[in-house]
């Protein structure tokens, strides 16, 4: 089975660079109101689509993406330079920490430091 993650947003073009950096993905295709991001060559992961929508974000996202970069502090800095903002305080739990962030349109994601990946059998996340 294939998994696509779709994020509704007002301006997909304005968010491409932010999400390319957040996910370590690349822009693969532009389809009308969609920008299709995929993992870089040799990497695996779901397709991530930015979908133009006129709906306004009204509350916290009910679902969000957790990213586990090699260097979470540096990743937070890069995303802030691209217009991301920190949301709330850093959370430390389960031997890891995570920081909620928002993209330039306010969509949440978590940057996670520490812990092991699902391939080692641990599903811990923020």
PDB file of N, CA and C in Angstrom:
ATOM      1  N   UNK A   1       0.843  -1.174   0.000  1.00  0.00           N
ATOM      2  CA  UNK A   1       0.000   0.000   0.000  1.00  0.00           C
ATOM      3  C   UNK A   1       0.891   1.241   0.000  1.00  0.00           C
ATOM      4  N   UNK A   2       0.486   2.259  -0.710  1.00  0.00           N
ATOM      5  CA  UNK A   2       1.206   3.525  -0.763  1.00  0.00           C
ATOM      6  C   UNK A   2       0.511   4.525   0.150  1.00  0.00           C
ATOM      7  N   UNK A   3       1.296   5.357   0.799  1.00  0.00           N
ATOM      8  CA  UNK A   3       0.765   6.374   1.697  1.00  0.00           C
ATOM      9  C   UNK A   3       1.148   7.751   1.165  1.00  0.00           C
ATOM     10  N   UNK A   4       0.160   8.621   0.999  1.00  0.00           N
ATOM     11  CA  UNK A   4       0.388  10.028   0.689  1.00  0.00           C
ATOM     12  C   UNK A   4      -0.077  10.839   1.885  1.00  0.00           C
ATOM     13  N   UNK A   5       0.665  11.866   2.219  1.00  0.00           N
ATOM     14  CA  UNK A   5       0.264  12.811   3.252  1.00  0.00           C
ATOM     15  C   UNK A   5      -0.057  14.111   2.538  1.00  0.00           C
ATOM     16  N   UNK A   6      -1.250  14.657   2.784  1.00  0.00           N
ATOM     17  CA  UNK A   6      -1.694  15.870   2.090  1.00  0.00           C
ATOM     18  C   UNK A   6      -1.911  16.969   3.121  1.00  0.00           C
ATOM     19  N   UNK A   7      -1.297  18.119   2.878  1.00  0.00           N
ATOM     20  CA  UNK A   7      -1.432  19.275   3.761  1.00  0.00           C
ATOM     21  C   UNK A   7      -2.150  20.380   2.996  1.00  0.00           C
ATOM     22  N   UNK A   8      -3.320  20.776   3.477  1.00  0.00           N
ATOM     23  CA  UNK A   8      -4.035  21.898   2.872  1.00  0.00           C
ATOM     24  C   UNK A   8      -3.343  23.196   3.258  1.00  0.00           C
ATOM     25  N   UNK A   9      -3.221  24.100   2.295  1.00  0.00           N
ATOM     26  CA  UNK A   9      -2.562  25.382   2.558  1.00  0.00           C
ATOM     27  C   UNK A   9      -3.062  26.423   1.562  1.00  0.00           C
ATOM     28  N   UNK A  10      -2.832  27.683   1.867  1.00  0.00           N
ATOM     29  CA  UNK A  10      -3.262  28.759   0.975  1.00  0.00           C
ATOM     30  C   UNK A  10      -2.350  28.906  -0.230  1.00  0.00           C
ATOM     31  N   UNK A  11      -1.049  28.779  -0.029  1.00  0.00           N
ATOM     32  CA  UNK A  11      -0.078  29.025  -1.093  1.00  0.00           C
ATOM     33  C   UNK A  11       0.971  27.926  -1.124  1.00  0.00           C
ATOM     34  N   UNK A  12       0.710  26.841  -1.859  1.00  0.00           N
ATOM     35  CA  UNK A  12       1.663  25.735  -1.906  1.00  0.00           C
ATOM     36  C   UNK A  12       3.070  26.164  -2.329  1.00  0.00           C
ATOM     37  N   UNK A  13       3.163  27.064  -3.296  1.00  0.00           N
ATOM     38  CA  UNK A  13       4.488  27.493  -3.766  1.00  0.00           C
ATOM     39  C   UNK A  13       5.301  28.138  -2.651  1.00  0.00           C
ATOM     40  N   UNK A  14       4.636  28.891  -1.785  1.00  0.00           N
ATOM     41  CA  UNK A  14       5.334  29.581  -0.701  1.00  0.00           C
ATOM     42  C   UNK A  14       5.830  28.612   0.369  1.00  0.00           C
ATOM     43  N   UNK A  15       5.254  27.411   0.427  1.00  0.00           N
ATOM     44  CA  UNK A  15       5.633  26.455   1.463  1.00  0.00           C
ATOM     45  C   UNK A  15       6.578  25.360   0.979  1.00  0.00           C
ATOM     46  N   UNK A  16       6.827  25.289  -0.326  1.00  0.00           N
ATOM     47  CA  UNK A  16       7.666  24.209  -0.862  1.00  0.00           C
ATOM     48  C   UNK A  16       9.029  24.164  -0.184  1.00  0.00           C
ATOM     49  N   UNK A  17       9.751  25.273  -0.138  1.00  0.00           N
ATOM     50  CA  UNK A  17      11.104  25.258   0.427  1.00  0.00           C
ATOM     51  C   UNK A  17      11.091  24.868   1.905  1.00  0.00           C
ATOM     52  N   UNK A  18      10.117  25.372   2.655  1.00  0.00           N
ATOM     53  CA  UNK A  18      10.024  25.026   4.069  1.00  0.00           C
ATOM     54  C   UNK A  18       9.869  23.520   4.240  1.00  0.00           C
ATOM     55  N   UNK A  19       8.914  22.909   3.529  1.00  0.00           N
ATOM     56  CA  UNK A  19       8.650  21.484   3.700  1.00  0.00           C
ATOM     57  C   UNK A  19       9.727  20.612   3.061  1.00  0.00           C
ATOM     58  N   UNK A  20      10.372  21.081   1.994  1.00  0.00           N
ATOM     59  CA  UNK A  20      11.528  20.344   1.463  1.00  0.00           C
ATOM     60  C   UNK A  20      12.593  20.212   2.545  1.00  0.00           C
ATOM     61  N   UNK A  21      12.840  21.310   3.243  1.00  0.00           N
ATOM     62  CA  UNK A  21      13.847  21.327   4.301  1.00  0.00           C
ATOM     63  C   UNK A  21      13.387  20.525   5.513  1.00  0.00           C
ATOM     64  N   UNK A  22      12.141  20.723   5.925  1.00  0.00           N
ATOM     65  CA  UNK A  22      11.620  20.024   7.107  1.00  0.00           C
ATOM     66  C   UNK A  22      11.704  18.518   6.947  1.00  0.00           C
ATOM     67  N   UNK A  23      11.378  18.026   5.758  1.00  0.00           N
ATOM     68  CA  UNK A  23      11.302  16.584   5.530  1.00  0.00           C
ATOM     69  C   UNK A  23      12.546  16.001   4.866  1.00  0.00           C
ATOM     70  N   UNK A  24      13.439  16.866   4.415  1.00  0.00           N
ATOM     71  CA  UNK A  24      14.579  16.441   3.607  1.00  0.00           C
ATOM     72  C   UNK A  24      14.067  15.753   2.334  1.00  0.00           C
ATOM     73  N   UNK A  25      13.080  16.393   1.712  1.00  0.00           N
ATOM     74  CA  UNK A  25      12.453  15.931   0.475  1.00  0.00           C
ATOM     75  C   UNK A  25      12.844  16.856  -0.669  1.00  0.00           C
ATOM     76  N   UNK A  26      12.316  16.547  -1.846  1.00  0.00           N
ATOM     77  CA  UNK A  26      12.518  17.401  -3.020  1.00  0.00           C
ATOM     78  C   UNK A  26      11.187  17.541  -3.751  1.00  0.00           C
ATOM     79  N   UNK A  27      11.031  18.672  -4.445  1.00  0.00           N
ATOM     80  CA  UNK A  27       9.841  18.879  -5.269  1.00  0.00           C
ATOM     81  C   UNK A  27       9.934  17.949  -6.468  1.00  0.00           C
ATOM     82  N   UNK A  28       8.912  17.148  -6.676  1.00  0.00           N
ATOM     83  CA  UNK A  28       8.897  16.189  -7.775  1.00  0.00           C
ATOM     84  C   UNK A  28       8.005  16.647  -8.913  1.00  0.00           C
ATOM     85  N   UNK A  29       6.878  17.283  -8.566  1.00  0.00           N
ATOM     86  CA  UNK A  29       5.905  17.601  -9.594  1.00  0.00           C
ATOM     87  C   UNK A  29       5.006  18.741  -9.149  1.00  0.00           C
ATOM     88  N   UNK A  30       4.537  19.519 -10.135  1.00  0.00           N
ATOM     89  CA  UNK A  30       3.564  20.568  -9.914  1.00  0.00           C
ATOM     90  C   UNK A  30       2.323  20.202 -10.712  1.00  0.00           C
ATOM     91  N   UNK A  31       1.214  19.989 -10.023  1.00  0.00           N
ATOM     92  CA  UNK A  31      -0.036  19.580 -10.658  1.00  0.00           C
ATOM     93  C   UNK A  31      -1.136  20.554 -10.251  1.00  0.00           C
ATOM     94  N   UNK A  32      -1.503  21.453 -11.118  1.00  0.00           N
ATOM     95  CA  UNK A  32      -2.551  22.435 -10.822  1.00  0.00           C
ATOM     96  C   UNK A  32      -2.345  23.032  -9.427  1.00  0.00           C
ATOM     97  N   UNK A  33      -3.215  22.670  -8.487  1.00  0.00           N
ATOM     98  CA  UNK A  33      -3.158  23.233  -7.134  1.00  0.00           C
ATOM     99  C   UNK A  33      -2.355  22.383  -6.158  1.00  0.00           C
ATOM    100  N   UNK A  34      -1.559  21.457  -6.659  1.00  0.00           N
ATOM    101  CA  UNK A  34      -0.768  20.560  -5.816  1.00  0.00           C
ATOM    102  C   UNK A  34       0.715  20.702  -6.103  1.00  0.00           C
ATOM    103  N   UNK A  35       1.510  20.624  -5.039  1.00  0.00           N
ATOM    104  CA  UNK A  35       2.962  20.515  -5.175  1.00  0.00           C
ATOM    105  C   UNK A  35       3.319  19.181  -4.531  1.00  0.00           C
ATOM    106  N   UNK A  36       3.950  18.312  -5.300  1.00  0.00           N
ATOM    107  CA  UNK A  36       4.218  16.945  -4.861  1.00  0.00           C
ATOM    108  C   UNK A  36       5.679  16.831  -4.450  1.00  0.00           C
ATOM    109  N   UNK A  37       5.904  16.526  -3.178  1.00  0.00           N
ATOM    110  CA  UNK A  37       7.248  16.351  -2.635  1.00  0.00           C
ATOM    111  C   UNK A  37       7.497  14.868  -2.388  1.00  0.00           C
ATOM    112  N   UNK A  38       8.708  14.441  -2.683  1.00  0.00           N
ATOM    113  CA  UNK A  38       9.077  13.034  -2.501  1.00  0.00           C
ATOM    114  C   UNK A  38      10.435  12.965  -1.813  1.00  0.00           C
ATOM    115  N   UNK A  39      10.740  11.810  -1.218  1.00  0.00           N
ATOM    116  CA  UNK A  39      12.065  11.652  -0.607  1.00  0.00           C
ATOM    117  C   UNK A  39      13.178  11.827  -1.641  1.00  0.00           C
ATOM    118  N   UNK A  40      14.323  12.277  -1.171  1.00  0.00           N
ATOM    119  CA  UNK A  40      15.483  12.404  -2.047  1.00  0.00           C
ATOM    120  C   UNK A  40      15.922  11.022  -2.523  1.00  0.00           C
ATOM    121  N   UNK A  41      16.674  10.980  -3.623  1.00  0.00           N
ATOM    122  CA  UNK A  41      17.122   9.715  -4.214  1.00  0.00           C
ATOM    123  C   UNK A  41      17.743   8.810  -3.154  1.00  0.00           C
ATOM    124  N   UNK A  42      17.335   7.559  -3.151  1.00  0.00           N
ATOM    125  CA  UNK A  42      17.875   6.581  -2.212  1.00  0.00           C
ATOM    126  C   UNK A  42      17.169   6.538  -0.874  1.00  0.00           C
ATOM    127  N   UNK A  43      16.281   7.467  -0.613  1.00  0.00           N
ATOM    128  CA  UNK A  43      15.538   7.511   0.652  1.00  0.00           C
ATOM    129  C   UNK A  43      14.133   6.958   0.431  1.00  0.00           C
ATOM    130  N   UNK A  44      13.473   6.573   1.503  1.00  0.00           N
ATOM    131  CA  UNK A  44      12.099   6.100   1.402  1.00  0.00           C
ATOM    132  C   UNK A  44      11.207   6.939   2.307  1.00  0.00           C
ATOM    133  N   UNK A  45       9.940   6.966   1.985  1.00  0.00           N
ATOM    134  CA  UNK A  45       8.964   7.699   2.777  1.00  0.00           C
ATOM    135  C   UNK A  45       7.726   7.961   1.956  1.00  0.00           C
ATOM    136  N   UNK A  46       6.680   8.447   2.598  1.00  0.00           N
ATOM    137  CA  UNK A  46       5.440   8.716   1.866  1.00  0.00           C
ATOM    138  C   UNK A  46       5.581   9.938   0.963  1.00  0.00           C
ATOM    139  N   UNK A  47       4.727  10.008  -0.035  1.00  0.00           N
ATOM    140  CA  UNK A  47       4.605  11.220  -0.844  1.00  0.00           C
ATOM    141  C   UNK A  47       3.962  12.279   0.037  1.00  0.00           C
ATOM    142  N   UNK A  48       4.440  13.512  -0.049  1.00  0.00           N
ATOM    143  CA  UNK A  48       3.904  14.621   0.742  1.00  0.00           C
ATOM    144  C   UNK A  48       3.401  15.671  -0.239  1.00  0.00           C
ATOM    145  N   UNK A  49       2.114  15.980  -0.165  1.00  0.00           N
ATOM    146  CA  UNK A  49       1.511  16.908  -1.117  1.00  0.00           C
ATOM    147  C   UNK A  49       1.035  18.173  -0.416  1.00  0.00           C
ATOM    148  N   UNK A  50       1.351  19.306  -1.010  1.00  0.00           N
ATOM    149  CA  UNK A  50       0.820  20.593  -0.565  1.00  0.00           C
ATOM    150  C   UNK A  50      -0.357  20.909  -1.479  1.00  0.00           C
ATOM    151  N   UNK A  51      -1.533  21.052  -0.901  1.00  0.00           N
ATOM    152  CA  UNK A  51      -2.765  21.219  -1.661  1.00  0.00           C
ATOM    153  C   UNK A  51      -3.367  22.598  -1.405  1.00  0.00           C
ATOM    154  N   UNK A  52      -3.552  23.373  -2.476  1.00  0.00           N
ATOM    155  CA  UNK A  52      -4.150  24.712  -2.332  1.00  0.00           C
ATOM    156  C   UNK A  52      -5.583  24.581  -1.811  1.00  0.00           C
ATOM    157  N   UNK A  53      -5.887  25.353  -0.774  1.00  0.00           N
ATOM    158  CA  UNK A  53      -7.219  25.351  -0.181  1.00  0.00           C
ATOM    159  C   UNK A  53      -7.529  26.752   0.320  1.00  0.00           C
ATOM    160  N   UNK A  54      -8.769  27.157   0.159  1.00  0.00           N
ATOM    161  CA  UNK A  54      -9.166  28.483   0.662  1.00  0.00           C
ATOM    162  C   UNK A  54      -9.640  28.411   2.110  1.00  0.00           C
ATOM    163  N   UNK A  55      -9.753  27.196   2.658  1.00  0.00           N
ATOM    164  CA  UNK A  55     -10.173  27.049   4.051  1.00  0.00           C
ATOM    165  C   UNK A  55      -9.133  27.649   4.984  1.00  0.00           C
ATOM    166  N   UNK A  56      -9.599  28.327   6.015  1.00  0.00           N
ATOM    167  CA  UNK A  56      -8.687  28.889   7.005  1.00  0.00           C
ATOM    168  C   UNK A  56      -8.454  27.885   8.118  1.00  0.00           C
ATOM    169  N   UNK A  57      -7.229  27.855   8.592  1.00  0.00           N
ATOM    170  CA  UNK A  57      -6.883  27.015   9.741  1.00  0.00           C
ATOM    171  C   UNK A  57      -7.505  27.677  10.975  1.00  0.00           C
ATOM    172  N   UNK A  58      -8.256  26.911  11.751  1.00  0.00           N
ATOM    173  CA  UNK A  58      -8.969  27.482  12.891  1.00  0.00           C
ATOM    174  C   UNK A  58      -8.454  27.015  14.244  1.00  0.00           C
ATOM    175  N   UNK A  59      -7.799  25.878  14.284  1.00  0.00           N
ATOM    176  CA  UNK A  59      -7.340  25.331  15.555  1.00  0.00           C
ATOM    177  C   UNK A  59      -6.101  24.473  15.310  1.00  0.00           C
ATOM    178  N   UNK A  60      -5.608  23.870  16.377  1.00  0.00           N
ATOM    179  CA  UNK A  60      -4.453  22.981  16.263  1.00  0.00           C
ATOM    180  C   UNK A  60      -4.784  21.851  15.296  1.00  0.00           C
ATOM    181  N   UNK A  61      -3.825  21.482  14.469  1.00  0.00           N
ATOM    182  CA  UNK A  61      -4.014  20.343  13.570  1.00  0.00           C
ATOM    183  C   UNK A  61      -4.314  19.101  14.389  1.00  0.00           C
ATOM    184  N   UNK A  62      -5.247  18.288  13.925  1.00  0.00           N
ATOM    185  CA  UNK A  62      -5.551  17.032  14.624  1.00  0.00           C
ATOM    186  C   UNK A  62      -4.532  15.969  14.286  1.00  0.00           C
ATOM    187  N   UNK A  63      -3.817  16.145  13.199  1.00  0.00           N
ATOM    188  CA  UNK A  63      -2.734  15.240  12.835  1.00  0.00           C
ATOM    189  C   UNK A  63      -1.560  16.102  12.409  1.00  0.00           C
ATOM    190  N   UNK A  64      -0.347  15.637  12.715  1.00  0.00           N
ATOM    191  CA  UNK A  64       0.828  16.402  12.329  1.00  0.00           C
ATOM    192  C   UNK A  64       1.963  15.444  11.997  1.00  0.00           C
ATOM    193  N   UNK A  65       3.026  16.000  11.465  1.00  0.00           N
ATOM    194  CA  UNK A  65       4.206  15.236  11.081  1.00  0.00           C
ATOM    195  C   UNK A  65       5.266  15.400  12.159  1.00  0.00           C
ATOM    196  N   UNK A  66       5.914  14.302  12.550  1.00  0.00           N
ATOM    197  CA  UNK A  66       7.098  14.341  13.409  1.00  0.00           C
ATOM    198  C   UNK A  66       8.300  14.073  12.515  1.00  0.00           C
ATOM    199  N   UNK A  67       9.310  14.923  12.604  1.00  0.00           N
ATOM    200  CA  UNK A  67      10.553  14.683  11.867  1.00  0.00           C
ATOM    201  C   UNK A  67      11.660  14.399  12.873  1.00  0.00           C
ATOM    202  N   UNK A  68      12.544  13.474  12.518  1.00  0.00           N
ATOM    203  CA  UNK A  68      13.631  13.024  13.388  1.00  0.00           C
ATOM    204  C   UNK A  68      14.959  13.277  12.675  1.00  0.00           C
ATOM    205  N   UNK A  69      15.404  14.534  12.603  1.00  0.00           N
ATOM    206  CA  UNK A  69      16.664  14.822  11.902  1.00  0.00           C
ATOM    207  C   UNK A  69      17.870  14.360  12.716  1.00  0.00           C
ATOM    208  N   UNK A  70      19.004  14.242  12.045  1.00  0.00           N
ATOM    209  CA  UNK A  70      20.239  13.870  12.739  1.00  0.00           C
ATOM    210  C   UNK A  70      20.631  14.909  13.782  1.00  0.00           C
ATOM    211  N   UNK A  71      20.419  16.190  13.469  1.00  0.00           N
ATOM    212  CA  UNK A  71      20.765  17.273  14.388  1.00  0.00           C
ATOM    213  C   UNK A  71      19.536  18.162  14.560  1.00  0.00           C
ATOM    214  N   UNK A  72      18.753  17.877  15.589  1.00  0.00           N
ATOM    215  CA  UNK A  72      17.483  18.577  15.783  1.00  0.00           C
ATOM    216  C   UNK A  72      17.667  20.081  16.012  1.00  0.00           C
ATOM    217  N   UNK A  73      18.686  20.468  16.775  1.00  0.00           N
ATOM    218  CA  UNK A  73      18.915  21.901  17.029  1.00  0.00           C
ATOM    219  C   UNK A  73      19.170  22.650  15.724  1.00  0.00           C
ATOM    220  N   UNK A  74      20.032  22.118  14.876  1.00  0.00           N
ATOM    221  CA  UNK A  74      20.333  22.759  13.597  1.00  0.00           C
ATOM    222  C   UNK A  74      19.091  22.783  12.708  1.00  0.00           C
ATOM    223  N   UNK A  75      18.288  21.737  12.770  1.00  0.00           N
ATOM    224  CA  UNK A  75      17.070  21.663  11.961  1.00  0.00           C
ATOM    225  C   UNK A  75      16.086  22.746  12.388  1.00  0.00           C
ATOM    226  N   UNK A  76      15.927  22.936  13.701  1.00  0.00           N
ATOM    227  CA  UNK A  76      15.062  23.999  14.202  1.00  0.00           C
ATOM    228  C   UNK A  76      15.517  25.360  13.678  1.00  0.00           C
ATOM    229  N   UNK A  77      16.815  25.594  13.700  1.00  0.00           N
ATOM    230  CA  UNK A  77      17.357  26.867  13.225  1.00  0.00           C
ATOM    231  C   UNK A  77      17.067  27.067  11.740  1.00  0.00           C
ATOM    232  N   UNK A  78      17.302  26.029  10.929  1.00  0.00           N
ATOM    233  CA  UNK A  78      17.030  26.131   9.482  1.00  0.00           C
ATOM    234  C   UNK A  78      15.563  26.440   9.230  1.00  0.00           C
ATOM    235  N   UNK A  79      14.672  25.756   9.933  1.00  0.00           N
ATOM    236  CA  UNK A  79      13.246  25.973   9.707  1.00  0.00           C
ATOM    237  C   UNK A  79      12.799  27.360  10.170  1.00  0.00           C
ATOM    238  N   UNK A  80      13.389  27.868  11.238  1.00  0.00           N
ATOM    239  CA  UNK A  80      13.065  29.232  11.662  1.00  0.00           C
ATOM    240  C   UNK A  80      13.519  30.241  10.610  1.00  0.00           C
ATOM    241  N   UNK A  81      14.655  30.015  10.000  1.00  0.00           N
ATOM    242  CA  UNK A  81      15.130  30.917   8.945  1.00  0.00           C
ATOM    243  C   UNK A  81      14.200  30.920   7.736  1.00  0.00           C
ATOM    244  N   UNK A  82      13.453  29.832   7.551  1.00  0.00           N
ATOM    245  CA  UNK A  82      12.509  29.720   6.437  1.00  0.00           C
ATOM    246  C   UNK A  82      11.099  30.158   6.830  1.00  0.00           C
ATOM    247  N   UNK A  83      10.965  30.779   8.002  1.00  0.00           N
ATOM    248  CA  UNK A  83       9.673  31.320   8.417  1.00  0.00           C
ATOM    249  C   UNK A  83       8.912  30.484   9.422  1.00  0.00           C
ATOM    250  N   UNK A  84       9.492  29.371   9.862  1.00  0.00           N
ATOM    251  CA  UNK A  84       8.850  28.555  10.885  1.00  0.00           C
ATOM    252  C   UNK A  84       8.943  29.225  12.242  1.00  0.00           C
ATOM    253  N   UNK A  85       7.986  28.917  13.108  1.00  0.00           N
ATOM    254  CA  UNK A  85       7.995  29.484  14.459  1.00  0.00           C
ATOM    255  C   UNK A  85       7.867  28.368  15.489  1.00  0.00           C
ATOM    256  N   UNK A  86       8.487  28.588  16.646  1.00  0.00           N
ATOM    257  CA  UNK A  86       8.366  27.654  17.755  1.00  0.00           C
ATOM    258  C   UNK A  86       6.997  27.838  18.395  1.00  0.00           C
ATOM    259  N   UNK A  87       6.371  26.732  18.780  1.00  0.00           N
ATOM    260  CA  UNK A  87       5.057  26.774  19.424  1.00  0.00           C
ATOM    261  C   UNK A  87       5.204  26.130  20.800  1.00  0.00           C
ATOM    262  N   UNK A  88       5.034  26.913  21.835  1.00  0.00           N
ATOM    263  CA  UNK A  88       5.130  26.375  23.181  1.00  0.00           C
ATOM    264  C   UNK A  88       6.553  26.028  23.574  1.00  0.00           C
ATOM    265  N   UNK A  89       6.648  25.331  24.691  1.00  0.00           N
ATOM    266  CA  UNK A  89       7.935  24.950  25.255  1.00  0.00           C
ATOM    267  C   UNK A  89       8.368  23.583  24.735  1.00  0.00           C
ATOM    268  N   UNK A  90       9.657  23.339  24.747  1.00  0.00           N
ATOM    269  CA  UNK A  90      10.209  22.031  24.407  1.00  0.00           C
ATOM    270  C   UNK A  90       9.704  21.005  25.426  1.00  0.00           C
ATOM    271  N   UNK A  91       9.373  19.823  24.949  1.00  0.00           N
ATOM    272  CA  UNK A  91       8.880  18.745  25.806  1.00  0.00           C
ATOM    273  C   UNK A  91       9.968  17.680  25.914  1.00  0.00           C
ATOM    274  N   UNK A  92      10.263  17.263  27.137  1.00  0.00           N
ATOM    275  CA  UNK A  92      11.230  16.189  27.367  1.00  0.00           C
ATOM    276  C   UNK A  92      10.509  15.053  28.061  1.00  0.00           C
ATOM    277  N   UNK A  93      10.495  13.898  27.373  1.00  0.00           N
ATOM    278  CA  UNK A  93       9.788  12.726  27.872  1.00  0.00           C
ATOM    279  C   UNK A  93      10.331  11.483  27.196  1.00  0.00           C
ATOM    280  N   UNK A  94      10.270  10.360  27.862  1.00  0.00           N
ATOM    281  CA  UNK A  94      10.638   9.065  27.274  1.00  0.00           C
ATOM    282  C   UNK A  94      12.094   9.007  26.799  1.00  0.00           C
ATOM    283  N   UNK A  95      12.955   9.833  27.356  1.00  0.00           N
ATOM    284  CA  UNK A  95      14.359   9.838  26.958  1.00  0.00           C
ATOM    285  C   UNK A  95      14.636  10.604  25.679  1.00  0.00           C
ATOM    286  N   UNK A  96      13.648  11.358  25.201  1.00  0.00           N
ATOM    287  CA  UNK A  96      13.810  12.177  23.995  1.00  0.00           C
ATOM    288  C   UNK A  96      13.253  13.569  24.288  1.00  0.00           C
ATOM    289  N   UNK A  97      13.456  14.490  23.372  1.00  0.00           N
ATOM    290  CA  UNK A  97      12.762  15.774  23.453  1.00  0.00           C
ATOM    291  C   UNK A  97      12.182  16.107  22.095  1.00  0.00           C
ATOM    292  N   UNK A  98      11.136  16.932  22.100  1.00  0.00           N
ATOM    293  CA  UNK A  98      10.582  17.434  20.851  1.00  0.00           C
ATOM    294  C   UNK A  98      10.119  18.859  21.029  1.00  0.00           C
ATOM    295  N   UNK A  99      10.111  19.556  19.902  1.00  0.00           N
ATOM    296  CA  UNK A  99       9.672  20.950  19.867  1.00  0.00           C
ATOM    297  C   UNK A  99       8.596  21.068  18.801  1.00  0.00           C
ATOM    298  N   UNK A 100       7.422  21.548  19.207  1.00  0.00           N
ATOM    299  CA  UNK A 100       6.376  21.820  18.232  1.00  0.00           C
ATOM    300  C   UNK A 100       6.759  23.091  17.489  1.00  0.00           C
ATOM    301  N   UNK A 101       6.575  23.060  16.172  1.00  0.00           N
ATOM    302  CA  UNK A 101       6.820  24.222  15.325  1.00  0.00           C
ATOM    303  C   UNK A 101       5.600  24.427  14.443  1.00  0.00           C
ATOM    304  N   UNK A 102       5.522  25.604  13.846  1.00  0.00           N
ATOM    305  CA  UNK A 102       4.504  25.884  12.842  1.00  0.00           C
ATOM    306  C   UNK A 102       5.204  26.354  11.578  1.00  0.00           C
ATOM    307  N   UNK A 103       4.679  25.935  10.425  1.00  0.00           N
ATOM    308  CA  UNK A 103       5.211  26.431   9.153  1.00  0.00           C
ATOM    309  C   UNK A 103       4.735  27.875   8.972  1.00  0.00           C
ATOM    310  N   UNK A 104       5.124  28.567   7.910  1.00  0.00           N
ATOM    311  CA  UNK A 104       4.721  29.962   7.740  1.00  0.00           C
ATOM    312  C   UNK A 104       3.207  30.204   7.702  1.00  0.00           C
ATOM    313  N   UNK A 105       2.398  29.155   7.445  1.00  0.00           N
ATOM    314  CA  UNK A 105       0.942  29.307   7.462  1.00  0.00           C
ATOM    315  C   UNK A 105       0.316  28.807   8.759  1.00  0.00           C
ATOM    316  N   UNK A 106       1.143  28.343   9.702  1.00  0.00           N
ATOM    317  CA  UNK A 106       0.637  27.921  10.996  1.00  0.00           C
ATOM    318  C   UNK A 106       0.376  26.434  11.151  1.00  0.00           C
ATOM    319  N   UNK A 107       0.722  25.622  10.152  1.00  0.00           N
ATOM    320  CA  UNK A 107       0.549  24.172  10.246  1.00  0.00           C
ATOM    321  C   UNK A 107       1.637  23.581  11.133  1.00  0.00           C
ATOM    322  N   UNK A 108       1.232  22.729  12.091  1.00  0.00           N
ATOM    323  CA  UNK A 108       2.173  22.210  13.074  1.00  0.00           C
ATOM    324  C   UNK A 108       2.951  20.991  12.593  1.00  0.00           C
ATOM    325  N   UNK A 109       4.145  20.868  13.147  1.00  0.00           N
ATOM    326  CA  UNK A 109       4.975  19.681  13.027  1.00  0.00           C
ATOM    327  C   UNK A 109       5.813  19.623  14.290  1.00  0.00           C
ATOM    328  N   UNK A 110       6.400  18.469  14.571  1.00  0.00           N
ATOM    329  CA  UNK A 110       7.307  18.334  15.699  1.00  0.00           C
ATOM    330  C   UNK A 110       8.687  17.960  15.188  1.00  0.00           C
ATOM    331  N   UNK A 111       9.697  18.625  15.722  1.00  0.00           N
ATOM    332  CA  UNK A 111      11.087  18.250  15.479  1.00  0.00           C
ATOM    333  C   UNK A 111      11.522  17.477  16.718  1.00  0.00           C
ATOM    334  N   UNK A 112      11.969  16.222  16.503  1.00  0.00           N
ATOM    335  CA  UNK A 112      12.251  15.299  17.587  1.00  0.00           C
ATOM    336  C   UNK A 112      13.743  14.994  17.641  1.00  0.00           C
ATOM    337  N   UNK A 113      14.285  14.968  18.852  1.00  0.00           N
ATOM    338  CA  UNK A 113      15.685  14.626  19.053  1.00  0.00           C
ATOM    339  C   UNK A 113      15.786  13.414  19.963  1.00  0.00           C
ATOM    340  N   UNK A 114      16.580  12.458  19.536  1.00  0.00           N
ATOM    341  CA  UNK A 114      16.811  11.281  20.357  1.00  0.00           C
ATOM    342  C   UNK A 114      15.849  10.170  20.051  1.00  0.00           C
ATOM    343  N   UNK A 115      16.046   9.043  20.717  1.00  0.00           N
ATOM    344  CA  UNK A 115      15.199   7.877  20.493  1.00  0.00           C
ATOM    345  C   UNK A 115      15.649   7.108  19.274  1.00  0.00           C
ATOM    346  N   UNK A 116      15.048   5.963  19.089  1.00  0.00           N
ATOM    347  CA  UNK A 116      15.372   5.129  17.938  1.00  0.00           C
ATOM    348  C   UNK A 116      14.206   5.126  16.978  1.00  0.00           C
ATOM    349  N   UNK A 117      14.461   4.765  15.748  1.00  0.00           N
ATOM    350  CA  UNK A 117      13.423   4.747  14.728  1.00  0.00           C
ATOM    351  C   UNK A 117      12.567   3.499  14.797  1.00  0.00           C
ATOM    352  N   UNK A 118      11.524   3.496  14.020  1.00  0.00           N
ATOM    353  CA  UNK A 118      10.595   2.370  14.034  1.00  0.00           C
ATOM    354  C   UNK A 118      11.234   1.077  13.583  1.00  0.00           C
ATOM    355  N   UNK A 119      12.292   1.171  12.780  1.00  0.00           N
ATOM    356  CA  UNK A 119      12.951  -0.061  12.340  1.00  0.00           C
ATOM    357  C   UNK A 119      13.576  -0.817  13.511  1.00  0.00           C
ATOM    358  N   UNK A 120      13.844  -0.115  14.613  1.00  0.00           N
ATOM    359  CA  UNK A 120      14.373  -0.774  15.810  1.00  0.00           C
ATOM    360  C   UNK A 120      13.260  -1.124  16.778  1.00  0.00           C
ATOM    361  N   UNK A 121      12.015  -0.852  16.411  1.00  0.00           N
ATOM    362  CA  UNK A 121      10.901  -1.279  17.236  1.00  0.00           C
ATOM    363  C   UNK A 121      10.361  -0.250  18.198  1.00  0.00           C
ATOM    364  N   UNK A 122      10.756   1.003  18.103  1.00  0.00           N
ATOM    365  CA  UNK A 122      10.269   2.023  19.025  1.00  0.00           C
ATOM    366  C   UNK A 122       9.405   3.017  18.264  1.00  0.00           C
ATOM    367  N   UNK A 123       8.195   3.224  18.705  1.00  0.00           N
ATOM    368  CA  UNK A 123       7.293   4.145  18.032  1.00  0.00           C
ATOM    369  C   UNK A 123       7.114   5.435  18.817  1.00  0.00           C
ATOM    370  N   UNK A 124       8.044   5.762  19.711  1.00  0.00           N
ATOM    371  CA  UNK A 124       7.872   6.958  20.535  1.00  0.00           C
ATOM    372  C   UNK A 124       7.970   8.209  19.675  1.00  0.00           C
ATOM    373  N   UNK A 125       7.099   9.145  19.939  1.00  0.00           N
ATOM    374  CA  UNK A 125       7.122  10.439  19.256  1.00  0.00           C
ATOM    375  C   UNK A 125       6.315  11.430  20.060  1.00  0.00           C
ATOM    376  N   UNK A 126       6.357  12.699  19.582  1.00  0.00           N
ATOM    377  CA  UNK A 126       5.657  13.752  20.292  1.00  0.00           C
ATOM    378  C   UNK A 126       4.245  13.909  19.910  1.00  0.00           C
TER     379      UNK A 126
END
